[in-house]
Amino acid sequence: MKKTLSFFLKLAVSAGLLFYLFRHTDFRLLWQSFKQIKLSWFWLAVLFFFAFQLLSTYRWYKIAETLGFKKGYLFFVRVYFIGVYFNTFLPGLLGGDIVRVFYLVKEGAAKSVASFSVLYDRGFGLLGALFLLIVFLPLEGAFLPPLAQRGLLFLSVAILAAVLVVVLFSRPLREKIGHELFQNLTAVAPPANFAKLFILGLLVQVFYNVHVYFLGLSLGLSLTWPKYFLIIPLMGILASLPVSLGGFGIREGTLSYFLQLLGYPKELGIALGFLIYGVMLLGGIIGGILYLTGPRGLKGSPNG
C-alpha cells in the first residue's frame, strides 16, 4: 500500500511540474531544437555518458571491496546497468538501488554490506557534486539570486565539513553508538582510502557534467563549460530526491529556470532535460538486455 501511494504521489509531482512547464511552452521552438541536433556532439556525449557509468561502477566496486565483498568488476558492471534499466524504464516501481542490493545479497553479501555499499556510493557522488558547487558557485554563480548563491554555498560547505567530522571521528562514534552506519564507515574512513573514493566521486561528476556539456552543444547552446559545472550538480541533486518519477519535471524545470536566468529560452532547458533522459534510456536498454539474458547467478526477481 505504501509503495503504491508513493508511486502515485511521485507521478502527481512529475505530472504537475511537466504540465506547468508545457502550459507556457512554445512547442514549435521545442521541436526545432530537436530537429537541429548536431549528431557529432550527441554521440560524443553518449561516449562520455558510458565512460561516466563505467567509472561510477568502478567506484561502487571499490566501496564494496572495502566493505569486505569481493567480486569481479564485470559483475558490478552488469548489476549496475540492470539498476539503470529499473531506474529508467520502471521509475518509482522498483528503484535501481534496491535492485543492486538484491543482487549483491544474492551473491552472498551481507544485507548490511550490500545496503551500505550502495548508500556510500550515493554519498560519494553527492560529495563530488557539493565540491563542484563550492568551487563554481563563487566563480560562476553571479546569475543566481544573491541569497540563493550564498545559501547554497554555505549549505555545501556545512555538509562537507560535517561529513569530514564524522569520518574523522567514525571509530569513537562506532564504539559509543554502535550503529551499523559507523561500523561500516570505519572501513572507508581511513584518510588514504577516503581520499581515493572521494576523488573517484569527483571524477564521476566531471564525466557526467562533460557529457551534458556535449549534449548542450548538440542543441546549439553556447553556454561555457564552467556554467555546466554549477548548473548540473544542482540539477542532479534535486532530480535525485525521491519526490518524482525518475526526476521527470524536476530535471526539465531546473534546467529551464537556470537557462532562462542566463538569457536562453526555456524550451532549450526542456530539450536538454529530455536529451539527458534519452541518453539514460540507452544505458537502460543495455541493462534490460543484461537482465533478460544474464547468467543464472543474476537471474531472479528483485521482488521476490
C-alpha atoms as a PDB file:
ATOM      1  CA  MET A   1       0.000   0.000   0.000  1.00  0.00           C
ATOM      2  CA  LYS A   2       2.808   2.417   0.927  1.00  0.00           C
ATOM      3  CA  LYS A   3       4.677   1.608  -2.307  1.00  0.00           C
ATOM      4  CA  THR A   4       1.555   2.237  -4.385  1.00  0.00           C
ATOM      5  CA  LEU A   5       0.831   5.516  -2.606  1.00  0.00           C
ATOM      6  CA  SER A   6       4.446   6.617  -3.030  1.00  0.00           C
ATOM      7  CA  PHE A   7       4.301   5.821  -6.746  1.00  0.00           C
ATOM      8  CA  PHE A   8       1.152   7.885  -7.314  1.00  0.00           C
ATOM      9  CA  LEU A   9       2.485  10.793  -5.259  1.00  0.00           C
ATOM     10  CA  LYS A  10       5.669  10.855  -7.356  1.00  0.00           C
ATOM     11  CA  LEU A  11       3.569  10.560 -10.505  1.00  0.00           C
ATOM     12  CA  ALA A  12       1.492  13.548  -9.388  1.00  0.00           C
ATOM     13  CA  VAL A  13       4.614  15.642  -8.721  1.00  0.00           C
ATOM     14  CA  SER A  14       6.180  14.828 -12.102  1.00  0.00           C
ATOM     15  CA  ALA A  15       2.897  15.298 -13.994  1.00  0.00           C
ATOM     16  CA  GLY A  16       2.175  18.587 -12.211  1.00  0.00           C
ATOM     17  CA  LEU A  17       5.617  20.022 -12.932  1.00  0.00           C
ATOM     18  CA  LEU A  18       5.552  18.949 -16.582  1.00  0.00           C
ATOM     19  CA  PHE A  19       2.043  20.343 -17.008  1.00  0.00           C
ATOM     20  CA  TYR A  20       3.184  23.682 -15.583  1.00  0.00           C
ATOM     21  CA  LEU A  21       6.200  23.731 -17.927  1.00  0.00           C
ATOM     22  CA  PHE A  22       4.263  22.689 -21.021  1.00  0.00           C
ATOM     23  CA  ARG A  23       1.480  25.185 -20.355  1.00  0.00           C
ATOM     24  CA  HIS A  24       3.801  28.022 -21.349  1.00  0.00           C
ATOM     25  CA  THR A  25       5.986  26.150 -23.838  1.00  0.00           C
ATOM     26  CA  ASP A  26       6.412  27.071 -27.487  1.00  0.00           C
ATOM     27  CA  PHE A  27       6.265  23.563 -28.966  1.00  0.00           C
ATOM     28  CA  ARG A  28       7.418  24.774 -32.375  1.00  0.00           C
ATOM     29  CA  LEU A  29      10.630  26.069 -30.802  1.00  0.00           C
ATOM     30  CA  LEU A  30      10.993  22.865 -28.794  1.00  0.00           C
ATOM     31  CA  TRP A  31      10.602  20.741 -31.927  1.00  0.00           C
ATOM     32  CA  GLN A  32      13.015  22.987 -33.816  1.00  0.00           C
ATOM     33  CA  SER A  33      15.599  22.417 -31.078  1.00  0.00           C
ATOM     34  CA  PHE A  34      15.394  18.660 -31.598  1.00  0.00           C
ATOM     35  CA  LYS A  35      15.460  18.952 -35.391  1.00  0.00           C
ATOM     36  CA  GLN A  36      18.740  20.904 -35.289  1.00  0.00           C
ATOM     37  CA  ILE A  37      20.639  18.441 -33.080  1.00  0.00           C
ATOM     38  CA  LYS A  38      24.255  18.084 -34.196  1.00  0.00           C
ATOM     39  CA  LEU A  39      24.858  14.328 -34.152  1.00  0.00           C
ATOM     40  CA  SER A  40      28.644  14.602 -33.788  1.00  0.00           C
ATOM     41  CA  TRP A  41      28.268  16.316 -30.408  1.00  0.00           C
ATOM     42  CA  PHE A  42      25.411  13.994 -29.441  1.00  0.00           C
ATOM     43  CA  TRP A  43      27.402  10.802 -29.987  1.00  0.00           C
ATOM     44  CA  LEU A  44      30.383  12.275 -28.178  1.00  0.00           C
ATOM     45  CA  ALA A  45      28.018  12.921 -25.255  1.00  0.00           C
ATOM     46  CA  VAL A  46      26.889   9.285 -25.421  1.00  0.00           C
ATOM     47  CA  LEU A  47      30.534   8.173 -25.289  1.00  0.00           C
ATOM     48  CA  PHE A  48      31.177  10.253 -22.171  1.00  0.00           C
ATOM     49  CA  PHE A  49      27.918   9.006 -20.657  1.00  0.00           C
ATOM     50  CA  PHE A  50      29.088   5.398 -20.828  1.00  0.00           C
ATOM     51  CA  ALA A  51      32.536   6.382 -19.560  1.00  0.00           C
ATOM     52  CA  PHE A  52      30.782   8.058 -16.616  1.00  0.00           C
ATOM     53  CA  GLN A  53      28.721   4.909 -15.982  1.00  0.00           C
ATOM     54  CA  LEU A  54      31.751   2.621 -16.059  1.00  0.00           C
ATOM     55  CA  LEU A  55      33.666   4.943 -13.718  1.00  0.00           C
ATOM     56  CA  SER A  56      30.658   5.110 -11.391  1.00  0.00           C
ATOM     57  CA  THR A  57      30.541   1.312 -11.384  1.00  0.00           C
ATOM     58  CA  TYR A  58      34.231   1.203 -10.502  1.00  0.00           C
ATOM     59  CA  ARG A  59      33.596   3.485  -7.534  1.00  0.00           C
ATOM     60  CA  TRP A  60      30.841   1.158  -6.271  1.00  0.00           C
ATOM     61  CA  TYR A  61      33.087  -1.866  -6.891  1.00  0.00           C
ATOM     62  CA  LYS A  62      35.875  -0.350  -4.766  1.00  0.00           C
ATOM     63  CA  ILE A  63      33.453   0.603  -1.988  1.00  0.00           C
ATOM     64  CA  ALA A  64      32.035  -2.932  -1.842  1.00  0.00           C
ATOM     65  CA  GLU A  65      35.568  -4.345  -1.832  1.00  0.00           C
ATOM     66  CA  THR A  66      36.495  -2.030   1.043  1.00  0.00           C
ATOM     67  CA  LEU A  67      33.451  -3.273   2.981  1.00  0.00           C
ATOM     68  CA  GLY A  68      34.580  -6.880   2.504  1.00  0.00           C
ATOM     69  CA  PHE A  69      32.548  -8.052  -0.504  1.00  0.00           C
ATOM     70  CA  LYS A  70      34.817  -9.105  -3.356  1.00  0.00           C
ATOM     71  CA  LYS A  71      33.523  -9.912  -6.805  1.00  0.00           C
ATOM     72  CA  GLY A  72      34.789  -9.233 -10.298  1.00  0.00           C
ATOM     73  CA  TYR A  73      34.381  -5.761 -11.793  1.00  0.00           C
ATOM     74  CA  LEU A  74      32.326  -7.134 -14.693  1.00  0.00           C
ATOM     75  CA  PHE A  75      29.789  -8.486 -12.202  1.00  0.00           C
ATOM     76  CA  PHE A  76      29.343  -4.961 -10.846  1.00  0.00           C
ATOM     77  CA  VAL A  77      29.076  -3.554 -14.377  1.00  0.00           C
ATOM     78  CA  ARG A  78      26.268  -5.993 -15.158  1.00  0.00           C
ATOM     79  CA  VAL A  79      24.374  -5.296 -11.950  1.00  0.00           C
ATOM     80  CA  TYR A  80      24.886  -1.540 -12.257  1.00  0.00           C
ATOM     81  CA  PHE A  81      23.340  -1.445 -15.726  1.00  0.00           C
ATOM     82  CA  ILE A  82      20.473  -3.641 -14.590  1.00  0.00           C
ATOM     83  CA  GLY A  83      19.861  -0.992 -11.922  1.00  0.00           C
ATOM     84  CA  VAL A  84      19.892   1.690 -14.639  1.00  0.00           C
ATOM     85  CA  TYR A  85      17.265  -0.353 -16.515  1.00  0.00           C
ATOM     86  CA  PHE A  86      14.940  -0.379 -13.498  1.00  0.00           C
ATOM     87  CA  ASN A  87      15.520   3.329 -12.861  1.00  0.00           C
ATOM     88  CA  THR A  88      14.800   4.418 -16.430  1.00  0.00           C
ATOM     89  CA  PHE A  89      12.064   2.055 -17.575  1.00  0.00           C
ATOM     90  CA  LEU A  90      10.297   1.397 -14.276  1.00  0.00           C
ATOM     91  CA  PRO A  91      10.795   4.635 -12.316  1.00  0.00           C
ATOM     92  CA  GLY A  92       9.015   4.668  -8.987  1.00  0.00           C
ATOM     93  CA  LEU A  93       8.065   0.992  -9.142  1.00  0.00           C
ATOM     94  CA  LEU A  94      11.358  -0.520  -8.020  1.00  0.00           C
ATOM     95  CA  GLY A  95      14.434   1.612  -7.520  1.00  0.00           C
ATOM     96  CA  GLY A  96      17.707   0.662  -9.137  1.00  0.00           C
ATOM     97  CA  ASP A  97      19.434   0.889  -5.746  1.00  0.00           C
ATOM     98  CA  ILE A  98      17.126  -1.789  -4.323  1.00  0.00           C
ATOM     99  CA  VAL A  99      17.920  -3.965  -7.325  1.00  0.00           C
ATOM    100  CA  ARG A 100      21.649  -3.523  -6.760  1.00  0.00           C
ATOM    101  CA  VAL A 101      21.320  -4.506  -3.117  1.00  0.00           C
ATOM    102  CA  PHE A 102      19.230  -7.546  -4.100  1.00  0.00           C
ATOM    103  CA  TYR A 103      21.881  -8.913  -6.465  1.00  0.00           C
ATOM    104  CA  LEU A 104      24.744  -8.394  -4.024  1.00  0.00           C
ATOM    105  CA  VAL A 105      22.833 -10.259  -1.329  1.00  0.00           C
ATOM    106  CA  LYS A 106      22.001 -12.972  -3.882  1.00  0.00           C
ATOM    107  CA  GLU A 107      25.735 -13.384  -4.481  1.00  0.00           C
ATOM    108  CA  GLY A 108      26.466 -13.808  -0.783  1.00  0.00           C
ATOM    109  CA  ALA A 109      26.980 -10.288   0.562  1.00  0.00           C
ATOM    110  CA  ALA A 110      25.548  -9.487   3.980  1.00  0.00           C
ATOM    111  CA  LYS A 111      22.471  -7.271   3.739  1.00  0.00           C
ATOM    112  CA  SER A 112      24.190  -4.517   5.698  1.00  0.00           C
ATOM    113  CA  VAL A 113      27.258  -4.599   3.446  1.00  0.00           C
ATOM    114  CA  ALA A 114      25.138  -4.583   0.281  1.00  0.00           C
ATOM    115  CA  SER A 115      22.957  -1.746   1.550  1.00  0.00           C
ATOM    116  CA  PHE A 116      25.807   0.417   2.783  1.00  0.00           C
ATOM    117  CA  SER A 117      27.851  -0.152  -0.372  1.00  0.00           C
ATOM    118  CA  VAL A 118      25.030   1.484  -2.341  1.00  0.00           C
ATOM    119  CA  LEU A 119      24.469   4.149   0.325  1.00  0.00           C
ATOM    120  CA  TYR A 120      28.144   5.135   0.369  1.00  0.00           C
ATOM    121  CA  ASP A 121      28.250   5.004  -3.428  1.00  0.00           C
ATOM    122  CA  ARG A 122      25.462   7.594  -3.492  1.00  0.00           C
ATOM    123  CA  GLY A 123      27.182   9.518  -0.715  1.00  0.00           C
ATOM    124  CA  PHE A 124      30.489   9.904  -2.543  1.00  0.00           C
ATOM    125  CA  GLY A 125      28.568  11.034  -5.613  1.00  0.00           C
ATOM    126  CA  LEU A 126      26.896  13.714  -3.518  1.00  0.00           C
ATOM    127  CA  LEU A 127      30.225  14.809  -2.033  1.00  0.00           C
ATOM    128  CA  GLY A 128      31.655  15.208  -5.530  1.00  0.00           C
ATOM    129  CA  ALA A 129      28.687  17.351  -6.551  1.00  0.00           C
ATOM    130  CA  LEU A 130      28.976  19.504  -3.424  1.00  0.00           C
ATOM    131  CA  PHE A 131      32.697  20.041  -4.015  1.00  0.00           C
ATOM    132  CA  LEU A 132      31.948  21.312  -7.538  1.00  0.00           C
ATOM    133  CA  LEU A 133      29.347  23.685  -6.099  1.00  0.00           C
ATOM    134  CA  ILE A 134      31.864  25.051  -3.597  1.00  0.00           C
ATOM    135  CA  VAL A 135      34.325  25.719  -6.438  1.00  0.00           C
ATOM    136  CA  PHE A 136      31.942  27.059  -9.082  1.00  0.00           C
ATOM    137  CA  LEU A 137      29.344  28.964  -7.064  1.00  0.00           C
ATOM    138  CA  PRO A 138      31.783  31.829  -6.344  1.00  0.00           C
ATOM    139  CA  LEU A 139      33.203  31.693  -9.897  1.00  0.00           C
ATOM    140  CA  GLU A 140      30.041  31.279 -11.980  1.00  0.00           C
ATOM    141  CA  GLY A 141      27.082  31.926  -9.691  1.00  0.00           C
ATOM    142  CA  ALA A 142      26.597  35.655 -10.274  1.00  0.00           C
ATOM    143  CA  PHE A 143      23.457  34.981 -12.363  1.00  0.00           C
ATOM    144  CA  LEU A 144      21.726  33.420  -9.342  1.00  0.00           C
ATOM    145  CA  PRO A 145      19.803  35.467  -6.782  1.00  0.00           C
ATOM    146  CA  PRO A 146      22.426  36.561  -4.202  1.00  0.00           C
ATOM    147  CA  LEU A 147      20.613  34.912  -1.288  1.00  0.00           C
ATOM    148  CA  ALA A 148      20.382  31.609  -3.173  1.00  0.00           C
ATOM    149  CA  GLN A 149      24.058  31.769  -4.125  1.00  0.00           C
ATOM    150  CA  ARG A 150      25.198  32.396  -0.554  1.00  0.00           C
ATOM    151  CA  GLY A 151      22.753  29.863   0.895  1.00  0.00           C
ATOM    152  CA  LEU A 152      23.830  27.088  -1.468  1.00  0.00           C
ATOM    153  CA  LEU A 153      27.494  27.808  -0.814  1.00  0.00           C
ATOM    154  CA  PHE A 154      27.002  27.782   2.968  1.00  0.00           C
ATOM    155  CA  LEU A 155      24.962  24.568   2.823  1.00  0.00           C
ATOM    156  CA  SER A 156      27.531  22.806   0.616  1.00  0.00           C
ATOM    157  CA  VAL A 157      30.424  23.782   2.901  1.00  0.00           C
ATOM    158  CA  ALA A 158      28.449  22.797   6.008  1.00  0.00           C
ATOM    159  CA  ILE A 159      27.569  19.333   4.655  1.00  0.00           C
ATOM    160  CA  LEU A 160      31.130  18.610   3.526  1.00  0.00           C
ATOM    161  CA  ALA A 161      32.523  19.800   6.861  1.00  0.00           C
ATOM    162  CA  ALA A 162      30.013  17.652   8.775  1.00  0.00           C
ATOM    163  CA  VAL A 163      30.960  14.596   6.711  1.00  0.00           C
ATOM    164  CA  LEU A 164      34.656  15.173   7.384  1.00  0.00           C
ATOM    165  CA  VAL A 165      33.983  15.426  11.116  1.00  0.00           C
ATOM    166  CA  VAL A 166      32.002  12.164  11.067  1.00  0.00           C
ATOM    167  CA  VAL A 167      34.756  10.444   9.080  1.00  0.00           C
ATOM    168  CA  LEU A 168      37.494  11.662  11.429  1.00  0.00           C
ATOM    169  CA  PHE A 169      35.555  10.505  14.483  1.00  0.00           C
ATOM    170  CA  SER A 170      33.983   7.386  12.961  1.00  0.00           C
ATOM    171  CA  ARG A 171      35.825   4.993  15.281  1.00  0.00           C
ATOM    172  CA  PRO A 172      34.787   6.626  18.591  1.00  0.00           C
ATOM    173  CA  LEU A 173      31.274   7.078  17.187  1.00  0.00           C
ATOM    174  CA  ARG A 174      31.147   3.385  16.381  1.00  0.00           C
ATOM    175  CA  GLU A 175      32.261   2.499  19.899  1.00  0.00           C
ATOM    176  CA  LYS A 176      29.804   4.910  21.513  1.00  0.00           C
ATOM    177  CA  ILE A 177      26.749   4.466  19.274  1.00  0.00           C
ATOM    178  CA  GLY A 178      27.380   1.051  17.749  1.00  0.00           C
ATOM    179  CA  HIS A 179      25.125   1.683  14.757  1.00  0.00           C
ATOM    180  CA  GLU A 180      25.860  -0.287  11.568  1.00  0.00           C
ATOM    181  CA  LEU A 181      26.387   3.008   9.771  1.00  0.00           C
ATOM    182  CA  PHE A 182      29.505   3.704  11.826  1.00  0.00           C
ATOM    183  CA  GLN A 183      30.629   0.059  11.817  1.00  0.00           C
ATOM    184  CA  ASN A 184      30.810   0.137   8.025  1.00  0.00           C
ATOM    185  CA  LEU A 185      32.068   3.713   7.897  1.00  0.00           C
ATOM    186  CA  THR A 186      35.290   2.769   9.672  1.00  0.00           C
ATOM    187  CA  ALA A 187      36.202   0.682   6.626  1.00  0.00           C
ATOM    188  CA  VAL A 188      36.072   3.667   4.251  1.00  0.00           C
ATOM    189  CA  ALA A 189      37.155   6.313   6.778  1.00  0.00           C
ATOM    190  CA  PRO A 190      40.982   5.952   6.742  1.00  0.00           C
ATOM    191  CA  PRO A 191      42.280   9.156   5.082  1.00  0.00           C
ATOM    192  CA  ALA A 192      44.016   7.481   2.131  1.00  0.00           C
ATOM    193  CA  ASN A 193      41.024   5.295   1.353  1.00  0.00           C
ATOM    194  CA  PHE A 194      38.506   8.101   1.824  1.00  0.00           C
ATOM    195  CA  ALA A 195      40.553  10.419  -0.395  1.00  0.00           C
ATOM    196  CA  LYS A 196      40.687   7.792  -3.159  1.00  0.00           C
ATOM    197  CA  LEU A 197      36.919   7.255  -3.070  1.00  0.00           C
ATOM    198  CA  PHE A 198      36.302  10.999  -2.885  1.00  0.00           C
ATOM    199  CA  ILE A 199      38.445  11.582  -5.979  1.00  0.00           C
ATOM    200  CA  LEU A 200      36.536   8.831  -7.784  1.00  0.00           C
ATOM    201  CA  GLY A 201      33.284  10.533  -6.801  1.00  0.00           C
ATOM    202  CA  LEU A 202      34.590  13.837  -8.135  1.00  0.00           C
ATOM    203  CA  LEU A 203      35.731  12.275 -11.417  1.00  0.00           C
ATOM    204  CA  VAL A 204      32.309  10.688 -11.892  1.00  0.00           C
ATOM    205  CA  GLN A 205      30.733  14.132 -11.543  1.00  0.00           C
ATOM    206  CA  VAL A 206      33.218  15.646 -14.002  1.00  0.00           C
ATOM    207  CA  PHE A 207      32.457  12.990 -16.645  1.00  0.00           C
ATOM    208  CA  TYR A 208      28.718  13.433 -16.117  1.00  0.00           C
ATOM    209  CA  ASN A 209      28.968  17.206 -16.500  1.00  0.00           C
ATOM    210  CA  VAL A 210      31.092  16.879 -19.639  1.00  0.00           C
ATOM    211  CA  HIS A 211      28.508  14.561 -21.192  1.00  0.00           C
ATOM    212  CA  VAL A 212      25.759  17.139 -20.523  1.00  0.00           C
ATOM    213  CA  TYR A 213      28.011  19.897 -21.888  1.00  0.00           C
ATOM    214  CA  PHE A 214      28.275  17.974 -25.166  1.00  0.00           C
ATOM    215  CA  LEU A 215      24.501  17.454 -25.202  1.00  0.00           C
ATOM    216  CA  GLY A 216      24.143  21.224 -24.837  1.00  0.00           C
ATOM    217  CA  LEU A 217      26.492  21.754 -27.781  1.00  0.00           C
ATOM    218  CA  SER A 218      24.403  19.316 -29.831  1.00  0.00           C
ATOM    219  CA  LEU A 219      21.422  21.624 -29.232  1.00  0.00           C
ATOM    220  CA  GLY A 220      23.420  24.700 -30.199  1.00  0.00           C
ATOM    221  CA  LEU A 221      23.767  26.034 -26.642  1.00  0.00           C
ATOM    222  CA  SER A 222      26.719  28.433 -26.429  1.00  0.00           C
ATOM    223  CA  LEU A 223      26.948  28.081 -22.644  1.00  0.00           C
ATOM    224  CA  THR A 224      30.538  27.833 -21.394  1.00  0.00           C
ATOM    225  CA  TRP A 225      31.565  24.595 -19.689  1.00  0.00           C
ATOM    226  CA  PRO A 226      32.119  26.145 -16.204  1.00  0.00           C
ATOM    227  CA  LYS A 227      28.418  27.093 -16.109  1.00  0.00           C
ATOM    228  CA  TYR A 228      27.544  23.415 -16.541  1.00  0.00           C
ATOM    229  CA  PHE A 229      29.767  22.564 -13.583  1.00  0.00           C
ATOM    230  CA  LEU A 230      27.484  24.738 -11.472  1.00  0.00           C
ATOM    231  CA  ILE A 231      24.084  24.025 -13.025  1.00  0.00           C
ATOM    232  CA  ILE A 232      24.332  20.261 -13.495  1.00  0.00           C
ATOM    233  CA  PRO A 233      25.347  19.317  -9.910  1.00  0.00           C
ATOM    234  CA  LEU A 234      22.378  21.352  -8.655  1.00  0.00           C
ATOM    235  CA  MET A 235      20.074  19.691 -11.166  1.00  0.00           C
ATOM    236  CA  GLY A 236      21.415  16.245 -10.279  1.00  0.00           C
ATOM    237  CA  ILE A 237      20.926  16.725  -6.537  1.00  0.00           C
ATOM    238  CA  LEU A 238      17.358  17.970  -6.981  1.00  0.00           C
ATOM    239  CA  ALA A 239      16.423  15.326  -9.569  1.00  0.00           C
ATOM    240  CA  SER A 240      17.737  12.532  -7.332  1.00  0.00           C
ATOM    241  CA  LEU A 241      15.386  13.455  -4.480  1.00  0.00           C
ATOM    242  CA  PRO A 242      12.734  10.709  -4.088  1.00  0.00           C
ATOM    243  CA  VAL A 243       9.803  13.019  -4.837  1.00  0.00           C
ATOM    244  CA  SER A 244       9.295  12.420  -8.568  1.00  0.00           C
ATOM    245  CA  LEU A 245       9.396   9.630 -11.139  1.00  0.00           C
ATOM    246  CA  GLY A 246      12.961   9.389 -12.359  1.00  0.00           C
ATOM    247  CA  GLY A 247      13.465  13.128 -11.889  1.00  0.00           C
ATOM    248  CA  PHE A 248      10.836  13.959 -14.537  1.00  0.00           C
ATOM    249  CA  GLY A 249       9.684  17.538 -14.219  1.00  0.00           C
ATOM    250  CA  ILE A 250      12.371  18.478 -11.706  1.00  0.00           C
ATOM    251  CA  ARG A 251      15.179  17.939 -14.208  1.00  0.00           C
ATOM    252  CA  GLU A 252      13.466  19.853 -17.012  1.00  0.00           C
ATOM    253  CA  GLY A 253      12.165  22.577 -14.689  1.00  0.00           C
ATOM    254  CA  THR A 254      15.569  23.156 -13.088  1.00  0.00           C
ATOM    255  CA  LEU A 255      17.349  23.415 -16.432  1.00  0.00           C
ATOM    256  CA  SER A 256      14.659  25.712 -17.836  1.00  0.00           C
ATOM    257  CA  TYR A 257      14.917  28.009 -14.817  1.00  0.00           C
ATOM    258  CA  PHE A 258      18.704  28.301 -14.957  1.00  0.00           C
ATOM    259  CA  LEU A 259      18.827  28.771 -18.721  1.00  0.00           C
ATOM    260  CA  GLN A 260      16.171  31.474 -18.539  1.00  0.00           C
ATOM    261  CA  LEU A 261      18.275  33.291 -15.923  1.00  0.00           C
ATOM    262  CA  LEU A 262      21.145  33.124 -18.417  1.00  0.00           C
ATOM    263  CA  GLY A 263      19.029  34.549 -21.238  1.00  0.00           C
ATOM    264  CA  TYR A 264      18.072  31.381 -23.113  1.00  0.00           C
ATOM    265  CA  PRO A 265      14.527  30.275 -23.960  1.00  0.00           C
ATOM    266  CA  LYS A 266      13.165  27.721 -21.508  1.00  0.00           C
ATOM    267  CA  GLU A 267      12.424  25.360 -24.400  1.00  0.00           C
ATOM    268  CA  LEU A 268      16.167  24.684 -24.621  1.00  0.00           C
ATOM    269  CA  GLY A 269      16.138  23.643 -20.958  1.00  0.00           C
ATOM    270  CA  ILE A 270      13.264  21.234 -21.586  1.00  0.00           C
ATOM    271  CA  ALA A 271      15.013  19.851 -24.684  1.00  0.00           C
ATOM    272  CA  LEU A 272      18.258  19.356 -22.754  1.00  0.00           C
ATOM    273  CA  GLY A 273      16.401  17.581 -19.952  1.00  0.00           C
ATOM    274  CA  PHE A 274      14.753  15.210 -22.414  1.00  0.00           C
ATOM    275  CA  LEU A 275      18.086  14.557 -24.123  1.00  0.00           C
ATOM    276  CA  ILE A 276      19.681  13.678 -20.782  1.00  0.00           C
ATOM    277  CA  TYR A 277      16.914  11.182 -20.114  1.00  0.00           C
ATOM    278  CA  GLY A 278      17.102   9.884 -23.683  1.00  0.00           C
ATOM    279  CA  VAL A 279      20.790   9.034 -23.275  1.00  0.00           C
ATOM    280  CA  MET A 280      19.974   7.366 -19.962  1.00  0.00           C
ATOM    281  CA  LEU A 281      17.497   5.178 -21.855  1.00  0.00           C
ATOM    282  CA  LEU A 282      20.390   3.836 -23.933  1.00  0.00           C
ATOM    283  CA  GLY A 283      22.018   2.642 -20.710  1.00  0.00           C
ATOM    284  CA  GLY A 284      18.667   1.278 -19.592  1.00  0.00           C
ATOM    285  CA  ILE A 285      18.296  -0.729 -22.804  1.00  0.00           C
ATOM    286  CA  ILE A 286      21.694  -2.335 -22.222  1.00  0.00           C
ATOM    287  CA  GLY A 287      20.681  -3.060 -18.631  1.00  0.00           C
ATOM    288  CA  GLY A 288      17.407  -4.613 -19.812  1.00  0.00           C
ATOM    289  CA  ILE A 289      19.263  -6.907 -22.192  1.00  0.00           C
ATOM    290  CA  LEU A 290      21.651  -7.937 -19.407  1.00  0.00           C
ATOM    291  CA  TYR A 291      18.714  -8.535 -17.074  1.00  0.00           C
ATOM    292  CA  LEU A 292      16.918 -10.772 -19.585  1.00  0.00           C
ATOM    293  CA  THR A 293      19.954 -12.660 -20.874  1.00  0.00           C
ATOM    294  CA  GLY A 294      22.236 -12.696 -17.841  1.00  0.00           C
ATOM    295  CA  PRO A 295      23.790 -15.850 -16.395  1.00  0.00           C
ATOM    296  CA  ARG A 296      21.898 -17.924 -13.879  1.00  0.00           C
ATOM    297  CA  GLY A 297      23.605 -16.196 -10.987  1.00  0.00           C
ATOM    298  CA  LEU A 298      21.965 -12.907 -11.965  1.00  0.00           C
ATOM    299  CA  LYS A 299      18.527 -14.232 -12.761  1.00  0.00           C
ATOM    300  CA  GLY A 300      15.676 -13.910 -10.344  1.00  0.00           C
ATOM    301  CA  SER A 301      13.269 -11.199  -9.421  1.00  0.00           C
ATOM    302  CA  PRO A 302      14.245  -8.360  -7.088  1.00  0.00           C
ATOM    303  CA  ASN A 303      10.658  -8.502  -5.930  1.00  0.00           C
ATOM    304  CA  GLY A 304      10.914 -11.961  -4.599  1.00  0.00           C
END
